[in-house]
Protein backbone atom coordinates (compact mmCIF):
# COMPACT_ATOMS: atom_id res chain seq x y z
CA MET A 1 -6.57 20.30 8.76
CA ALA A 2 -8.20 19.24 11.95
CA GLY A 3 -7.95 15.74 13.40
CA TYR A 4 -6.24 13.53 10.77
CA ASN A 5 -3.43 13.22 8.25
CA LEU A 6 -4.69 12.50 5.10
CA GLY A 7 -2.69 11.73 1.86
CA CYS A 8 -2.98 10.43 -1.68
CA THR A 9 -0.95 8.10 -3.83
CA VAL A 10 1.15 9.17 -6.96
CA ARG A 11 3.49 6.95 -9.07
CA LEU A 12 7.02 8.28 -9.24
CA ASP A 13 6.62 8.94 -12.85
CA ASP A 14 3.19 10.75 -12.81
CA GLU A 15 4.09 14.45 -12.88
CA ARG A 16 0.35 15.46 -13.70
CA THR A 17 -1.01 13.82 -10.66
CA LEU A 18 2.04 15.23 -8.57
CA ALA A 19 1.14 18.69 -9.61
CA LEU A 20 -2.55 18.32 -8.31
CA LEU A 21 -1.45 16.65 -5.20
CA GLU A 22 1.00 19.75 -4.55
CA LYS A 23 -2.06 22.15 -5.05
CA LEU A 24 -4.11 19.89 -2.48
CA TYR A 25 -1.04 20.04 -0.06
CA GLU A 26 -0.91 23.81 -0.50
CA GLU A 27 -4.64 24.23 0.26
CA GLY A 28 -4.43 22.13 3.29
CA GLU A 29 -6.43 19.19 1.93
CA ILE A 30 -3.78 16.68 2.40
CA ARG A 31 -0.65 16.27 4.71
CA HIS A 32 1.32 13.73 2.87
CA ILE A 33 1.82 11.64 -0.32
CA GLN A 34 2.67 8.05 -0.88
CA VAL A 35 5.20 7.75 -3.63
CA GLN A 36 4.79 4.68 -5.62
CA ALA A 37 8.36 3.65 -6.63
CA VAL A 38 8.51 1.96 -9.90
CA PRO A 39 11.65 0.64 -11.51
CA LEU A 40 12.96 3.64 -13.87
CA PRO A 41 16.12 4.27 -16.06
CA ARG A 42 18.64 5.85 -13.67
CA SER A 43 18.52 9.43 -15.25
CA ILE A 44 14.56 9.48 -15.21
CA PHE A 45 14.51 8.13 -11.54
CA ARG A 46 16.79 10.78 -10.35
CA GLU A 47 14.74 13.55 -12.48
CA ARG A 48 11.34 12.36 -11.12
CA LEU A 49 12.64 11.89 -7.46
CA ARG A 50 13.86 15.55 -7.51
CA GLY A 51 10.62 16.65 -8.68
CA VAL A 52 8.98 15.16 -5.63
CA VAL A 53 11.63 16.66 -3.37
CA GLU A 54 10.80 20.09 -4.69
CA THR A 55 7.16 19.88 -3.80
CA GLY A 56 8.19 19.88 -0.09
CA ILE A 57 5.39 17.41 0.80
CA PRO A 58 6.17 14.87 3.51
CA ALA A 59 6.22 11.42 1.88
CA VAL A 60 5.95 7.77 2.53
CA VAL A 61 7.29 5.34 -0.02
CA HIS A 62 5.60 2.28 -1.56
CA ALA A 63 8.02 -0.24 -2.66
CA PRO A 64 7.51 -1.77 -6.25
CA HIS A 65 5.11 -4.92 -5.96
CA HIS A 66 4.30 -7.83 -8.44
CA GLY A 67 2.57 -5.67 -10.66
CA HIS A 68 5.79 -4.07 -11.39
CA GLY A 69 7.78 -7.31 -11.48
CA VAL A 70 8.81 -7.35 -7.92
CA ASN A 71 7.37 -10.39 -6.29
CA PRO A 72 9.28 -11.10 -2.99
CA CYS A 73 7.63 -14.45 -1.97
CA ALA A 74 7.74 -16.17 -5.49
CA PRO A 75 9.90 -14.10 -7.93
CA ALA A 76 9.48 -16.57 -10.80
CA ALA A 77 5.91 -17.33 -10.31
CA TYR A 78 3.81 -15.86 -13.13
CA ASP A 79 7.07 -14.49 -14.90
CA ASP A 80 8.89 -15.90 -17.80
CA ARG A 81 12.07 -14.07 -17.50
CA PRO A 82 15.23 -16.09 -16.47
CA LEU A 83 15.62 -16.18 -12.74
CA ASN A 84 18.88 -14.33 -12.57
CA GLU A 85 17.31 -11.50 -14.77
CA ILE A 86 14.33 -11.53 -12.33
CA GLU A 87 16.47 -11.37 -9.25
CA ALA A 88 18.74 -8.60 -10.67
CA TYR A 89 15.64 -6.70 -11.49
CA ILE A 90 14.60 -6.88 -8.15
CA ASP A 91 17.90 -5.72 -6.56
CA LEU A 92 17.61 -2.65 -8.79
CA ALA A 93 14.12 -1.92 -7.84
CA MET A 94 14.76 -2.26 -4.15
CA SER A 95 17.91 -0.14 -4.30
CA GLN A 96 15.87 2.47 -6.05
CA THR A 97 13.10 2.19 -3.30
CA LEU A 98 15.76 2.67 -0.54
CA GLU A 99 17.25 5.53 -2.19
CA ALA A 100 13.98 7.29 -2.82
CA ALA A 101 12.99 6.96 0.84
CA ASP A 102 16.43 8.31 1.86
CA THR A 103 16.32 11.33 -0.53
CA LEU A 104 12.57 12.03 0.61
CA GLY A 105 13.19 11.37 4.30
CA ALA A 106 10.41 8.78 4.26
CA GLU A 107 9.83 7.17 7.63
CA THR A 108 7.79 4.46 6.05
CA ILE A 109 8.39 2.03 3.18
CA VAL A 110 5.35 -0.01 2.47
CA LEU A 111 6.09 -3.58 1.29
CA HIS A 112 3.83 -6.37 -0.17
CA ALA A 113 4.99 -10.10 0.36
CA GLY A 114 3.50 -10.82 -3.12
CA ARG A 115 1.57 -13.81 -4.89
CA TYR A 116 2.32 -17.23 -5.27
CA LYS A 117 1.02 -20.26 -7.11
CA PRO A 118 -1.89 -22.11 -5.74
CA GLY A 119 -0.68 -24.77 -3.39
CA GLY A 120 2.69 -23.01 -2.94
CA ARG A 121 2.22 -21.17 0.24
CA PRO A 122 4.80 -22.86 2.47
CA ALA A 123 7.63 -22.33 -0.07
CA ALA A 124 6.72 -18.73 -0.60
CA VAL A 125 6.91 -18.19 3.09
CA GLU A 126 10.25 -19.47 3.05
CA VAL A 127 11.28 -17.46 0.02
CA PHE A 128 9.76 -14.12 1.59
CA SER A 129 11.96 -14.64 4.70
CA GLY A 130 14.97 -15.04 2.34
CA PHE A 131 14.07 -11.82 0.80
CA LEU A 132 14.11 -10.17 3.95
CA ASP A 133 17.59 -11.57 4.63
CA ARG A 134 18.77 -9.53 1.51
CA HIS A 135 16.60 -6.53 1.55
CA ASN A 136 15.20 -5.75 5.12
CA ASP A 137 15.10 -2.19 6.21
CA SER A 138 13.70 -0.73 9.61
CA ARG A 139 11.25 1.42 7.71
CA PHE A 140 9.50 -1.47 6.03
CA ALA A 141 5.73 -1.60 6.85
CA LEU A 142 4.03 -5.00 5.81
CA GLU A 143 0.76 -4.52 4.18
CA ASN A 144 -2.27 -6.90 4.25
CA LEU A 145 -3.21 -8.28 0.97
CA PRO A 146 -6.46 -9.60 -0.31
CA ALA A 147 -6.64 -13.43 -0.03
CA VAL A 148 -6.96 -13.64 -3.92
CA TYR A 149 -6.98 -11.53 -6.98
CA ALA A 150 -7.58 -12.62 -10.61
CA GLY A 151 -7.34 -16.41 -9.56
CA TYR A 152 -3.98 -16.20 -7.68
CA PRO A 153 -3.27 -16.36 -4.12
CA LEU A 154 -1.62 -13.52 -2.17
CA LEU A 155 0.59 -13.91 0.99
CA GLY A 156 -0.18 -12.17 4.22
CA ASN A 157 -4.07 -11.54 4.60
CA THR A 158 -4.94 -11.28 8.18
CA ALA A 159 -3.10 -9.71 11.28
CA GLY A 160 -1.94 -12.95 12.46
CA GLU A 161 -0.43 -13.84 9.19
CA LEU A 162 1.41 -10.68 8.99
CA THR A 163 2.90 -10.95 12.37
CA ALA A 164 4.25 -14.59 11.47
CA LEU A 165 5.51 -13.39 8.06
CA ALA A 166 7.26 -10.35 9.82
CA GLY A 167 8.88 -12.81 12.27
CA GLY A 168 9.99 -9.98 14.50
CA ARG A 169 12.08 -8.50 11.81
CA ILE A 170 9.47 -6.15 10.48
CA THR A 171 7.91 -4.36 13.49
CA ARG A 172 5.75 -1.93 11.56
CA PHE A 173 2.44 -2.70 9.39
CA CYS A 174 0.22 -1.06 6.82
CA LEU A 175 -3.37 -1.88 7.16
CA ASP A 176 -5.30 -1.91 3.96
CA PHE A 177 -9.18 -1.70 4.55
CA PRO A 178 -10.47 -2.86 1.33
CA HIS A 179 -7.87 -5.55 1.34
CA LEU A 180 -9.13 -6.84 4.67
CA ALA A 181 -12.62 -6.69 3.51
CA CYS A 182 -11.90 -8.69 0.42
CA THR A 183 -10.07 -11.42 2.71
CA ALA A 184 -13.20 -11.41 5.13
CA ASN A 185 -15.53 -11.88 2.29
CA HIS A 186 -13.49 -14.82 0.55
CA ARG A 187 -13.12 -16.48 3.85
CA LEU A 188 -16.42 -15.92 5.27
CA LEU A 189 -15.14 -13.92 8.30
CA SER A 190 -16.34 -11.08 10.18
CA PHE A 191 -14.66 -7.81 8.96
CA ALA A 192 -15.10 -5.98 12.23
CA GLY A 193 -13.43 -9.10 13.90
CA GLU A 194 -10.51 -9.27 11.67
CA LEU A 195 -10.13 -5.35 11.96
CA GLU A 196 -10.14 -5.59 15.76
CA LEU A 197 -7.02 -7.98 15.58
CA PHE A 198 -4.95 -5.15 14.08
CA GLU A 199 -5.26 -3.39 17.28
CA GLY A 200 -2.50 -5.72 18.32
CA LEU A 201 -0.13 -4.62 15.61
CA ASN A 202 1.96 -1.70 15.27
CA VAL A 203 0.09 -0.02 12.33
CA THR A 204 1.90 3.03 11.19
CA LEU A 205 -0.13 3.67 7.95
CA HIS A 206 -3.86 3.16 6.67
CA HIS A 207 -4.83 2.42 3.02
CA LEU A 208 -8.05 3.55 2.22
CA SER A 209 -10.51 2.88 -1.03
CA ASN A 210 -13.64 1.25 -1.46
CA ILE A 211 -14.87 -2.37 -2.69
CA ARG A 212 -18.30 -3.62 -4.15
CA ARG A 213 -20.71 -5.28 -1.65
CA GLY A 214 -19.65 -8.66 -0.91
CA SER A 215 -16.74 -8.56 -3.40
CA ILE A 216 -13.55 -10.43 -3.13
CA THR A 217 -11.80 -8.21 -5.77
CA ASP A 218 -9.69 -5.23 -4.76
CA GLU A 219 -10.96 -2.57 -7.16
CA HIS A 220 -9.89 0.75 -5.70
CA LEU A 221 -13.21 2.09 -5.95
CA GLU A 222 -14.15 5.77 -4.55
CA LEU A 223 -15.47 6.02 -0.99
CA ASP A 224 -18.69 7.28 -2.42
CA HIS A 225 -19.05 4.67 -5.14
CA PRO A 226 -22.89 3.78 -5.62
CA ASP A 227 -21.99 0.03 -5.35
CA GLY A 228 -19.56 0.42 -2.50
CA GLY A 229 -19.82 -2.22 0.29
CA LEU A 230 -16.85 -1.46 2.69
CA ASP A 231 -18.11 -0.90 6.15
CA LEU A 232 -16.94 2.71 6.19
CA GLY A 233 -18.66 3.04 9.85
CA ALA A 234 -16.33 0.56 11.28
CA VAL A 235 -13.30 1.85 9.17
CA PHE A 236 -13.94 5.55 10.52
CA ALA A 237 -14.33 4.34 13.96
CA ARG A 238 -10.93 3.01 13.99
CA LEU A 239 -9.58 6.00 12.08
CA ARG A 240 -10.88 8.27 14.80
CA ARG A 241 -9.38 6.01 17.56
CA HIS A 242 -5.91 6.11 15.85
CA PRO A 243 -5.88 10.03 14.51
CA ASP A 244 -2.08 9.73 14.74
CA VAL A 245 -1.65 7.13 11.99
CA PRO A 246 -1.70 8.65 8.46
CA THR A 247 -4.23 7.38 6.12
CA THR A 248 -3.44 7.17 2.44
CA LEU A 249 -6.14 7.27 -0.34
CA GLU A 250 -5.15 4.77 -3.24
CA TYR A 251 -7.04 5.00 -6.62
CA LYS A 252 -6.05 3.80 -10.17
CA GLN A 253 -8.01 5.54 -12.72
CA ASP A 254 -7.93 9.16 -13.52
CA SER A 255 -6.09 9.79 -10.15
CA ALA A 256 -5.93 13.48 -10.53
CA GLU A 257 -9.43 14.07 -10.94
CA VAL A 258 -10.50 11.44 -8.40
CA TYR A 259 -8.25 12.75 -5.62
CA ALA A 260 -9.58 16.27 -6.09
CA ARG A 261 -13.14 15.00 -5.09
CA GLN A 262 -12.33 12.20 -2.69
CA VAL A 263 -10.42 14.13 -0.25
CA LYS A 264 -13.53 16.15 0.42
CA VAL A 265 -15.61 12.82 0.54
CA PHE A 266 -13.24 11.58 3.21
CA ALA A 267 -13.61 14.93 5.20
CA ALA A 268 -17.38 14.72 5.18
CA LEU A 269 -17.23 11.10 6.37
CA TRP A 270 -14.73 12.14 9.10
CA GLU A 271 -17.01 14.84 10.24
CA GLY A 272 -20.27 12.65 9.81
């Protein structure tokens, strides 16, 4: 594979997609996988992790996020569990995440700051700082999130906001292109201008999928989706400027079949 380091995402408990990605790796279509760590019972966690190790594919690890019950900046927001139960769950999930990274030899652990209740941003910033006091790791790469999703705000949407949240304690960043486009559309900003600001950050991973034209909602659409509105010209210009930074495709529905086709779409866009 010439010119780029492309990968695909797989949940730790998704053996079917892992089998397909192993085939794509053997065929030279991808060069890494992003393993989405999801909290699992201990025996299942170790079994699934062993299965990933046996593929021999270089990996990055994505820490669980609010969709998995791990919401660093506002643990109790949108969650009815008792706070002590939430905190114990987060501790377990992050312990498994670090163990997965250790076992896989992953140099990068992608982290979301999380979501918060409207009006609660100052408190969310403070709580996230406390989360880093307990769980920080030199492999963390803080990811930019869309400004809003399903009516709730998310923390850390632009290059400047990520830098402030990191506070010098996180020195690596993950640039998610559709998340940035959603933020730009929501705030009526220039996507190209916001993208340029990431040149000043130590970006160690890219995330790529597509969004609908003018949308503020992250849907993980295919790169060649007929309603796709991501500025792929600007995206691939950046990818070509930074070929050493791995790019991970992220899809949700029917991942195995989607990835088999999207790696070829990516290759055509890179050559285009």
